[in-house]
Amino acid sequence: MEVDCGTNISFKGEENITVYNSSDWAERGFCNKCGSHLFYRLKENNQHQVPVGLFDDQKLFVFESQVFIDKKPSFYSFANQTKALTEAEIFEMYAPS
């Protein structure tokens, strides 16, 4: 689960972050000390998605959407209703034109 953190985001200890070019439209940031995933960033607009587990206070977050829902394992389902996007819908939204 990730939190949409917008485009104006900064990290302490940026020298410890390694960025991996994960697709034509996005990059992923990792801690180069322990390997923890730190963010997913869209190249086109610098939009950052940050794992919810990195935040101390998670009470204010609302679970609103699921991505790649057609790739989800069949053995679980979340209780609340969310927007559900398929792989094709995600690729259509973010693939470079």
PDB file of N, CA and C in Angstrom:
ATOM      1  N   MET A   1       0.840  -1.172   0.000  1.00  0.00           N
ATOM      2  CA  MET A   1       0.000   0.000   0.000  1.00  0.00           C
ATOM      3  C   MET A   1       0.885   1.236   0.000  1.00  0.00           C
ATOM      4  N   GLU A   2       0.459   2.194  -0.790  1.00  0.00           N
ATOM      5  CA  GLU A   2       1.251   3.408  -0.922  1.00  0.00           C
ATOM      6  C   GLU A   2       0.384   4.649  -0.756  1.00  0.00           C
ATOM      7  N   VAL A   3       1.052   5.755  -0.418  1.00  0.00           N
ATOM      8  CA  VAL A   3       0.403   7.044  -0.215  1.00  0.00           C
ATOM      9  C   VAL A   3       0.836   7.982  -1.338  1.00  0.00           C
ATOM     10  N   ASP A   4      -0.128   8.666  -1.941  1.00  0.00           N
ATOM     11  CA  ASP A   4       0.183   9.668  -2.953  1.00  0.00           C
ATOM     12  C   ASP A   4       0.745  10.893  -2.236  1.00  0.00           C
ATOM     13  N   CYS A   5       2.027  11.191  -2.453  1.00  0.00           N
ATOM     14  CA  CYS A   5       2.694  12.294  -1.749  1.00  0.00           C
ATOM     15  C   CYS A   5       2.934  13.505  -2.641  1.00  0.00           C
ATOM     16  N   GLY A   6       2.373  13.524  -3.817  1.00  0.00           N
ATOM     17  CA  GLY A   6       2.490  14.688  -4.677  1.00  0.00           C
ATOM     18  C   GLY A   6       3.835  14.797  -5.372  1.00  0.00           C
ATOM     19  N   THR A   7       4.143  16.006  -5.815  1.00  0.00           N
ATOM     20  CA  THR A   7       5.354  16.240  -6.601  1.00  0.00           C
ATOM     21  C   THR A   7       6.436  17.003  -5.849  1.00  0.00           C
ATOM     22  N   ASN A   8       6.089  17.622  -4.749  1.00  0.00           N
ATOM     23  CA  ASN A   8       7.046  18.407  -3.967  1.00  0.00           C
ATOM     24  C   ASN A   8       7.404  17.620  -2.712  1.00  0.00           C
ATOM     25  N   ILE A   9       8.362  16.726  -2.838  1.00  0.00           N
ATOM     26  CA  ILE A   9       8.719  15.822  -1.749  1.00  0.00           C
ATOM     27  C   ILE A   9      10.237  15.809  -1.605  1.00  0.00           C
ATOM     28  N   SER A  10      10.710  15.693  -0.375  1.00  0.00           N
ATOM     29  CA  SER A  10      12.152  15.606  -0.139  1.00  0.00           C
ATOM     30  C   SER A  10      12.419  14.517   0.888  1.00  0.00           C
ATOM     31  N   PHE A  11      13.631  14.017   0.879  1.00  0.00           N
ATOM     32  CA  PHE A  11      14.037  12.953   1.783  1.00  0.00           C
ATOM     33  C   PHE A  11      15.294  13.370   2.529  1.00  0.00           C
ATOM     34  N   LYS A  12      15.371  13.033   3.795  1.00  0.00           N
ATOM     35  CA  LYS A  12      16.614  13.196   4.545  1.00  0.00           C
ATOM     36  C   LYS A  12      17.525  12.042   4.148  1.00  0.00           C
ATOM     37  N   GLY A  13      18.817  12.304   4.070  1.00  0.00           N
ATOM     38  CA  GLY A  13      19.769  11.249   3.737  1.00  0.00           C
ATOM     39  C   GLY A  13      19.697  10.808   2.292  1.00  0.00           C
ATOM     40  N   GLU A  14      19.481  11.757   1.378  1.00  0.00           N
ATOM     41  CA  GLU A  14      19.341  11.410  -0.041  1.00  0.00           C
ATOM     42  C   GLU A  14      20.557  10.669  -0.601  1.00  0.00           C
ATOM     43  N   GLU A  15      21.708  10.815   0.046  1.00  0.00           N
ATOM     44  CA  GLU A  15      22.897  10.092  -0.414  1.00  0.00           C
ATOM     45  C   GLU A  15      22.739   8.581  -0.234  1.00  0.00           C
ATOM     46  N   ASN A  16      21.758   8.170   0.546  1.00  0.00           N
ATOM     47  CA  ASN A  16      21.500   6.747   0.785  1.00  0.00           C
ATOM     48  C   ASN A  16      20.409   6.184  -0.117  1.00  0.00           C
ATOM     49  N   ILE A  17      19.955   6.975  -1.087  1.00  0.00           N
ATOM     50  CA  ILE A  17      18.887   6.537  -1.989  1.00  0.00           C
ATOM     51  C   ILE A  17      19.462   6.228  -3.365  1.00  0.00           C
ATOM     52  N   THR A  18      19.124   5.062  -3.877  1.00  0.00           N
ATOM     53  CA  THR A  18      19.467   4.673  -5.235  1.00  0.00           C
ATOM     54  C   THR A  18      18.174   4.591  -6.032  1.00  0.00           C
ATOM     55  N   VAL A  19      18.178   5.184  -7.224  1.00  0.00           N
ATOM     56  CA  VAL A  19      16.985   5.195  -8.071  1.00  0.00           C
ATOM     57  C   VAL A  19      17.178   4.208  -9.217  1.00  0.00           C
ATOM     58  N   TYR A  20      16.145   3.392  -9.425  1.00  0.00           N
ATOM     59  CA  TYR A  20      16.143   2.363 -10.457  1.00  0.00           C
ATOM     60  C   TYR A  20      15.106   2.726 -11.513  1.00  0.00           C
ATOM     61  N   ASN A  21      15.504   2.721 -12.766  1.00  0.00           N
ATOM     62  CA  ASN A  21      14.610   3.004 -13.883  1.00  0.00           C
ATOM     63  C   ASN A  21      13.772   1.755 -14.140  1.00  0.00           C
ATOM     64  N   SER A  22      12.549   1.711 -13.594  1.00  0.00           N
ATOM     65  CA  SER A  22      11.761   0.478 -13.618  1.00  0.00           C
ATOM     66  C   SER A  22      10.848   0.323 -14.831  1.00  0.00           C
ATOM     67  N   SER A  23      10.585   1.395 -15.557  1.00  0.00           N
ATOM     68  CA  SER A  23       9.760   1.312 -16.767  1.00  0.00           C
ATOM     69  C   SER A  23       9.995   2.568 -17.601  1.00  0.00           C
ATOM     70  N   ASP A  24       9.314   2.651 -18.735  1.00  0.00           N
ATOM     71  CA  ASP A  24       9.444   3.844 -19.575  1.00  0.00           C
ATOM     72  C   ASP A  24       8.878   5.078 -18.896  1.00  0.00           C
ATOM     73  N   TRP A  25       7.985   4.896 -17.935  1.00  0.00           N
ATOM     74  CA  TRP A  25       7.301   6.035 -17.317  1.00  0.00           C
ATOM     75  C   TRP A  25       7.571   6.213 -15.830  1.00  0.00           C
ATOM     76  N   ALA A  26       8.317   5.305 -15.194  1.00  0.00           N
ATOM     77  CA  ALA A  26       8.490   5.439 -13.741  1.00  0.00           C
ATOM     78  C   ALA A  26       9.853   4.960 -13.262  1.00  0.00           C
ATOM     79  N   GLU A  27      10.194   5.433 -12.059  1.00  0.00           N
ATOM     80  CA  GLU A  27      11.421   5.035 -11.364  1.00  0.00           C
ATOM     81  C   GLU A  27      11.043   4.601  -9.955  1.00  0.00           C
ATOM     82  N   ARG A  28      11.908   3.801  -9.357  1.00  0.00           N
ATOM     83  CA  ARG A  28      11.710   3.374  -7.975  1.00  0.00           C
ATOM     84  C   ARG A  28      12.954   3.739  -7.176  1.00  0.00           C
ATOM     85  N   GLY A  29      12.732   4.241  -5.962  1.00  0.00           N
ATOM     86  CA  GLY A  29      13.837   4.589  -5.083  1.00  0.00           C
ATOM     87  C   GLY A  29      13.976   3.562  -3.979  1.00  0.00           C
ATOM     88  N   PHE A  30      15.221   3.193  -3.688  1.00  0.00           N
ATOM     89  CA  PHE A  30      15.533   2.206  -2.660  1.00  0.00           C
ATOM     90  C   PHE A  30      16.636   2.724  -1.750  1.00  0.00           C
ATOM     91  N   CYS A  31      16.643   2.284  -0.513  1.00  0.00           N
ATOM     92  CA  CYS A  31      17.749   2.556   0.396  1.00  0.00           C
ATOM     93  C   CYS A  31      18.935   1.717  -0.066  1.00  0.00           C
ATOM     94  N   ASN A  32      20.082   2.367  -0.325  1.00  0.00           N
ATOM     95  CA  ASN A  32      21.243   1.609  -0.787  1.00  0.00           C
ATOM     96  C   ASN A  32      22.021   0.973   0.361  1.00  0.00           C
ATOM     97  N   LYS A  33      21.500   1.077   1.582  1.00  0.00           N
ATOM     98  CA  LYS A  33      22.101   0.406   2.744  1.00  0.00           C
ATOM     99  C   LYS A  33      21.376  -0.902   3.056  1.00  0.00           C
ATOM    100  N   CYS A  34      20.019  -0.858   3.066  1.00  0.00           N
ATOM    101  CA  CYS A  34      19.252  -2.048   3.468  1.00  0.00           C
ATOM    102  C   CYS A  34      18.349  -2.600   2.367  1.00  0.00           C
ATOM    103  N   GLY A  35      18.147  -1.839   1.289  1.00  0.00           N
ATOM    104  CA  GLY A  35      17.326  -2.304   0.179  1.00  0.00           C
ATOM    105  C   GLY A  35      15.843  -1.996   0.286  1.00  0.00           C
ATOM    106  N   SER A  36      15.421  -1.300   1.349  1.00  0.00           N
ATOM    107  CA  SER A  36      13.998  -0.985   1.516  1.00  0.00           C
ATOM    108  C   SER A  36      13.481  -0.114   0.374  1.00  0.00           C
ATOM    109  N   HIS A  37      12.274  -0.425  -0.085  1.00  0.00           N
ATOM    110  CA  HIS A  37      11.620   0.379  -1.120  1.00  0.00           C
ATOM    111  C   HIS A  37      11.151   1.683  -0.490  1.00  0.00           C
ATOM    112  N   LEU A  38      11.516   2.822  -1.081  1.00  0.00           N
ATOM    113  CA  LEU A  38      11.196   4.133  -0.519  1.00  0.00           C
ATOM    114  C   LEU A  38      10.150   4.906  -1.311  1.00  0.00           C
ATOM    115  N   PHE A  39      10.118   4.734  -2.629  1.00  0.00           N
ATOM    116  CA  PHE A  39       9.115   5.451  -3.418  1.00  0.00           C
ATOM    117  C   PHE A  39       9.028   4.903  -4.831  1.00  0.00           C
ATOM    118  N   TYR A  40       7.916   5.235  -5.458  1.00  0.00           N
ATOM    119  CA  TYR A  40       7.652   5.010  -6.872  1.00  0.00           C
ATOM    120  C   TYR A  40       7.397   6.403  -7.431  1.00  0.00           C
ATOM    121  N   ARG A  41       8.122   6.797  -8.484  1.00  0.00           N
ATOM    122  CA  ARG A  41       8.021   8.165  -9.005  1.00  0.00           C
ATOM    123  C   ARG A  41       7.717   8.139 -10.503  1.00  0.00           C
ATOM    124  N   LEU A  42       6.668   8.865 -10.904  1.00  0.00           N
ATOM    125  CA  LEU A  42       6.348   9.010 -12.321  1.00  0.00           C
ATOM    126  C   LEU A  42       7.301  10.020 -12.944  1.00  0.00           C
ATOM    127  N   LYS A  43       7.930   9.653 -14.040  1.00  0.00           N
ATOM    128  CA  LYS A  43       8.907  10.529 -14.691  1.00  0.00           C
ATOM    129  C   LYS A  43       8.270  11.788 -15.274  1.00  0.00           C
ATOM    130  N   GLU A  44       7.085  11.649 -15.847  1.00  0.00           N
ATOM    131  CA  GLU A  44       6.441  12.759 -16.551  1.00  0.00           C
ATOM    132  C   GLU A  44       6.136  13.951 -15.651  1.00  0.00           C
ATOM    133  N   ASN A  45       5.688  13.684 -14.417  1.00  0.00           N
ATOM    134  CA  ASN A  45       5.262  14.799 -13.559  1.00  0.00           C
ATOM    135  C   ASN A  45       5.879  14.788 -12.157  1.00  0.00           C
ATOM    136  N   ASN A  46       6.813  13.873 -11.895  1.00  0.00           N
ATOM    137  CA  ASN A  46       7.501  13.786 -10.604  1.00  0.00           C
ATOM    138  C   ASN A  46       6.572  13.394  -9.450  1.00  0.00           C
ATOM    139  N   GLN A  47       5.429  12.787  -9.768  1.00  0.00           N
ATOM    140  CA  GLN A  47       4.468  12.330  -8.756  1.00  0.00           C
ATOM    141  C   GLN A  47       5.080  11.163  -7.981  1.00  0.00           C
ATOM    142  N   HIS A  48       5.036  11.240  -6.640  1.00  0.00           N
ATOM    143  CA  HIS A  48       5.626  10.216  -5.774  1.00  0.00           C
ATOM    144  C   HIS A  48       4.558   9.409  -5.042  1.00  0.00           C
ATOM    145  N   GLN A  49       4.735   8.105  -5.017  1.00  0.00           N
ATOM    146  CA  GLN A  49       3.937   7.192  -4.199  1.00  0.00           C
ATOM    147  C   GLN A  49       4.910   6.587  -3.185  1.00  0.00           C
ATOM    148  N   VAL A  50       4.587   6.708  -1.907  1.00  0.00           N
ATOM    149  CA  VAL A  50       5.478   6.261  -0.831  1.00  0.00           C
ATOM    150  C   VAL A  50       4.773   5.168  -0.031  1.00  0.00           C
ATOM    151  N   PRO A  51       5.468   4.061   0.276  1.00  0.00           N
ATOM    152  CA  PRO A  51       4.843   2.989   1.056  1.00  0.00           C
ATOM    153  C   PRO A  51       4.279   3.503   2.380  1.00  0.00           C
ATOM    154  N   VAL A  52       3.046   3.121   2.683  1.00  0.00           N
ATOM    155  CA  VAL A  52       2.360   3.588   3.894  1.00  0.00           C
ATOM    156  C   VAL A  52       3.129   3.198   5.160  1.00  0.00           C
ATOM    157  N   GLY A  53       3.841   2.108   5.139  1.00  0.00           N
ATOM    158  CA  GLY A  53       4.585   1.641   6.304  1.00  0.00           C
ATOM    159  C   GLY A  53       5.728   2.545   6.721  1.00  0.00           C
ATOM    160  N   LEU A  54       6.116   3.490   5.871  1.00  0.00           N
ATOM    161  CA  LEU A  54       7.198   4.411   6.220  1.00  0.00           C
ATOM    162  C   LEU A  54       6.731   5.577   7.082  1.00  0.00           C
ATOM    163  N   PHE A  55       5.425   5.721   7.259  1.00  0.00           N
ATOM    164  CA  PHE A  55       4.872   6.822   8.048  1.00  0.00           C
ATOM    165  C   PHE A  55       4.563   6.365   9.468  1.00  0.00           C
ATOM    166  N   ASP A  56       4.948   7.185  10.451  1.00  0.00           N
ATOM    167  CA  ASP A  56       4.677   6.860  11.852  1.00  0.00           C
ATOM    168  C   ASP A  56       3.189   6.885  12.166  1.00  0.00           C
ATOM    169  N   ASP A  57       2.476   7.895  11.668  1.00  0.00           N
ATOM    170  CA  ASP A  57       1.045   8.042  11.952  1.00  0.00           C
ATOM    171  C   ASP A  57       0.251   7.739  10.688  1.00  0.00           C
ATOM    172  N   GLN A  58      -0.438   6.614  10.672  1.00  0.00           N
ATOM    173  CA  GLN A  58      -1.182   6.183   9.491  1.00  0.00           C
ATOM    174  C   GLN A  58      -2.688   6.385   9.637  1.00  0.00           C
ATOM    175  N   LYS A  59      -3.129   7.015  10.712  1.00  0.00           N
ATOM    176  CA  LYS A  59      -4.560   7.156  10.991  1.00  0.00           C
ATOM    177  C   LYS A  59      -5.301   8.028   9.990  1.00  0.00           C
ATOM    178  N   LEU A  60      -4.626   8.973   9.380  1.00  0.00           N
ATOM    179  CA  LEU A  60      -5.292   9.908   8.476  1.00  0.00           C
ATOM    180  C   LEU A  60      -5.468   9.371   7.057  1.00  0.00           C
ATOM    181  N   PHE A  61      -4.822   8.265   6.742  1.00  0.00           N
ATOM    182  CA  PHE A  61      -4.884   7.735   5.384  1.00  0.00           C
ATOM    183  C   PHE A  61      -6.200   7.016   5.124  1.00  0.00           C
ATOM    184  N   VAL A  62      -6.698   7.164   3.892  1.00  0.00           N
ATOM    185  CA  VAL A  62      -7.918   6.490   3.454  1.00  0.00           C
ATOM    186  C   VAL A  62      -7.556   5.586   2.281  1.00  0.00           C
ATOM    187  N   PHE A  63      -7.928   4.321   2.375  1.00  0.00           N
ATOM    188  CA  PHE A  63      -7.666   3.349   1.316  1.00  0.00           C
ATOM    189  C   PHE A  63      -8.686   3.578   0.205  1.00  0.00           C
ATOM    190  N   GLU A  64      -8.232   4.132  -0.937  1.00  0.00           N
ATOM    191  CA  GLU A  64      -9.146   4.564  -1.987  1.00  0.00           C
ATOM    192  C   GLU A  64      -9.086   3.757  -3.271  1.00  0.00           C
ATOM    193  N   SER A  65      -7.927   3.187  -3.598  1.00  0.00           N
ATOM    194  CA  SER A  65      -7.833   2.504  -4.889  1.00  0.00           C
ATOM    195  C   SER A  65      -6.849   1.340  -4.843  1.00  0.00           C
ATOM    196  N   GLN A  66      -7.074   0.422  -5.783  1.00  0.00           N
ATOM    197  CA  GLN A  66      -6.200  -0.732  -5.962  1.00  0.00           C
ATOM    198  C   GLN A  66      -5.777  -0.757  -7.429  1.00  0.00           C
ATOM    199  N   VAL A  67      -4.518  -1.089  -7.670  1.00  0.00           N
ATOM    200  CA  VAL A  67      -4.012  -1.158  -9.038  1.00  0.00           C
ATOM    201  C   VAL A  67      -3.628  -2.594  -9.379  1.00  0.00           C
ATOM    202  N   PHE A  68      -3.626  -2.888 -10.657  1.00  0.00           N
ATOM    203  CA  PHE A  68      -3.346  -4.239 -11.156  1.00  0.00           C
ATOM    204  C   PHE A  68      -4.272  -5.257 -10.490  1.00  0.00           C
ATOM    205  N   ILE A  69      -5.529  -4.881 -10.332  1.00  0.00           N
ATOM    206  CA  ILE A  69      -6.497  -5.718  -9.632  1.00  0.00           C
ATOM    207  C   ILE A  69      -6.670  -7.071 -10.326  1.00  0.00           C
ATOM    208  N   ASP A  70      -6.486  -7.119 -11.624  1.00  0.00           N
ATOM    209  CA  ASP A  70      -6.617  -8.381 -12.353  1.00  0.00           C
ATOM    210  C   ASP A  70      -5.428  -9.313 -12.110  1.00  0.00           C
ATOM    211  N   LYS A  71      -4.386  -8.838 -11.470  1.00  0.00           N
ATOM    212  CA  LYS A  71      -3.215  -9.660 -11.130  1.00  0.00           C
ATOM    213  C   LYS A  71      -3.207 -10.060  -9.656  1.00  0.00           C
ATOM    214  N   LYS A  72      -4.218  -9.617  -8.914  1.00  0.00           N
ATOM    215  CA  LYS A  72      -4.316  -9.878  -7.473  1.00  0.00           C
ATOM    216  C   LYS A  72      -4.529 -11.369  -7.215  1.00  0.00           C
ATOM    217  N   PRO A  73      -3.826 -11.934  -6.235  1.00  0.00           N
ATOM    218  CA  PRO A  73      -4.088 -13.332  -5.867  1.00  0.00           C
ATOM    219  C   PRO A  73      -5.542 -13.509  -5.425  1.00  0.00           C
ATOM    220  N   SER A  74      -6.106 -14.640  -5.696  1.00  0.00           N
ATOM    221  CA  SER A  74      -7.525 -14.877  -5.395  1.00  0.00           C
ATOM    222  C   SER A  74      -7.800 -15.155  -3.924  1.00  0.00           C
ATOM    223  N   PHE A  75      -6.766 -15.359  -3.111  1.00  0.00           N
ATOM    224  CA  PHE A  75      -6.980 -15.761  -1.719  1.00  0.00           C
ATOM    225  C   PHE A  75      -7.236 -14.606  -0.755  1.00  0.00           C
ATOM    226  N   TYR A  76      -7.284 -13.356  -1.239  1.00  0.00           N
ATOM    227  CA  TYR A  76      -7.630 -12.255  -0.334  1.00  0.00           C
ATOM    228  C   TYR A  76      -8.511 -11.234  -1.042  1.00  0.00           C
ATOM    229  N   SER A  77      -9.215 -10.470  -0.212  1.00  0.00           N
ATOM    230  CA  SER A  77     -10.061  -9.390  -0.705  1.00  0.00           C
ATOM    231  C   SER A  77     -10.210  -8.369   0.414  1.00  0.00           C
ATOM    232  N   PHE A  78     -10.072  -7.085   0.095  1.00  0.00           N
ATOM    233  CA  PHE A  78     -10.224  -6.045   1.106  1.00  0.00           C
ATOM    234  C   PHE A  78     -11.698  -5.797   1.383  1.00  0.00           C
ATOM    235  N   ALA A  79     -12.024  -5.451   2.612  1.00  0.00           N
ATOM    236  CA  ALA A  79     -13.414  -5.285   3.038  1.00  0.00           C
ATOM    237  C   ALA A  79     -14.069  -4.040   2.449  1.00  0.00           C
ATOM    238  N   ASN A  80     -13.341  -2.933   2.375  1.00  0.00           N
ATOM    239  CA  ASN A  80     -13.962  -1.705   1.880  1.00  0.00           C
ATOM    240  C   ASN A  80     -13.941  -1.638   0.354  1.00  0.00           C
ATOM    241  N   GLN A  81     -14.895  -0.911  -0.195  1.00  0.00           N
ATOM    242  CA  GLN A  81     -14.987  -0.721  -1.639  1.00  0.00           C
ATOM    243  C   GLN A  81     -13.984   0.347  -2.074  1.00  0.00           C
ATOM    244  N   THR A  82     -13.246   0.062  -3.131  1.00  0.00           N
ATOM    245  CA  THR A  82     -12.257   1.001  -3.653  1.00  0.00           C
ATOM    246  C   THR A  82     -12.376   1.077  -5.171  1.00  0.00           C
ATOM    247  N   LYS A  83     -11.729   2.069  -5.736  1.00  0.00           N
ATOM    248  CA  LYS A  83     -11.568   2.104  -7.182  1.00  0.00           C
ATOM    249  C   LYS A  83     -10.603   0.974  -7.520  1.00  0.00           C
ATOM    250  N   ALA A  84     -10.899   0.188  -8.547  1.00  0.00           N
ATOM    251  CA  ALA A  84     -10.072  -0.967  -8.908  1.00  0.00           C
ATOM    252  C   ALA A  84      -9.622  -0.825 -10.359  1.00  0.00           C
ATOM    253  N   LEU A  85      -8.317  -0.692 -10.563  1.00  0.00           N
ATOM    254  CA  LEU A  85      -7.763  -0.502 -11.900  1.00  0.00           C
ATOM    255  C   LEU A  85      -7.027  -1.754 -12.360  1.00  0.00           C
ATOM    256  N   THR A  86      -7.272  -2.166 -13.595  1.00  0.00           N
ATOM    257  CA  THR A  86      -6.612  -3.336 -14.163  1.00  0.00           C
ATOM    258  C   THR A  86      -5.233  -2.957 -14.710  1.00  0.00           C
ATOM    259  N   GLU A  87      -4.469  -3.969 -15.085  1.00  0.00           N
ATOM    260  CA  GLU A  87      -3.165  -3.738 -15.693  1.00  0.00           C
ATOM    261  C   GLU A  87      -3.305  -2.880 -16.953  1.00  0.00           C
ATOM    262  N   ALA A  88      -4.265  -3.203 -17.806  1.00  0.00           N
ATOM    263  CA  ALA A  88      -4.466  -2.446 -19.045  1.00  0.00           C
ATOM    264  C   ALA A  88      -4.811  -0.986 -18.753  1.00  0.00           C
ATOM    265  N   GLU A  89      -5.638  -0.750 -17.756  1.00  0.00           N
ATOM    266  CA  GLU A  89      -6.009   0.623 -17.397  1.00  0.00           C
ATOM    267  C   GLU A  89      -4.808   1.412 -16.881  1.00  0.00           C
ATOM    268  N   ILE A  90      -3.970   0.770 -16.090  1.00  0.00           N
ATOM    269  CA  ILE A  90      -2.762   1.431 -15.574  1.00  0.00           C
ATOM    270  C   ILE A  90      -1.820   1.774 -16.721  1.00  0.00           C
ATOM    271  N   PHE A  91      -1.573   0.810 -17.615  1.00  0.00           N
ATOM    272  CA  PHE A  91      -0.678   1.071 -18.742  1.00  0.00           C
ATOM    273  C   PHE A  91      -1.222   2.181 -19.633  1.00  0.00           C
ATOM    274  N   GLU A  92      -2.523   2.206 -19.824  1.00  0.00           N
ATOM    275  CA  GLU A  92      -3.139   3.262 -20.634  1.00  0.00           C
ATOM    276  C   GLU A  92      -2.962   4.631 -19.980  1.00  0.00           C
ATOM    277  N   MET A  93      -3.056   4.687 -18.670  1.00  0.00           N
ATOM    278  CA  MET A  93      -2.928   5.953 -17.942  1.00  0.00           C
ATOM    279  C   MET A  93      -1.508   6.503 -17.954  1.00  0.00           C
ATOM    280  N   TYR A  94      -0.509   5.628 -17.823  1.00  0.00           N
ATOM    281  CA  TYR A  94       0.849   6.095 -17.566  1.00  0.00           C
ATOM    282  C   TYR A  94       1.866   5.847 -18.668  1.00  0.00           C
ATOM    283  N   ALA A  95       1.549   5.040 -19.640  1.00  0.00           N
ATOM    284  CA  ALA A  95       2.514   4.778 -20.707  1.00  0.00           C
ATOM    285  C   ALA A  95       2.763   6.055 -21.497  1.00  0.00           C
ATOM    286  N   PRO A  96       4.012   6.280 -21.890  1.00  0.00           N
ATOM    287  CA  PRO A  96       4.310   7.482 -22.676  1.00  0.00           C
ATOM    288  C   PRO A  96       3.552   7.454 -24.001  1.00  0.00           C
ATOM    289  N   SER A  97       3.137   8.625 -24.447  1.00  0.00           N
ATOM    290  CA  SER A  97       2.379   8.687 -25.710  1.00  0.00           C
ATOM    291  C   SER A  97       3.282   8.895 -26.895  1.00  0.00           C
TER     292      SER A  97
END
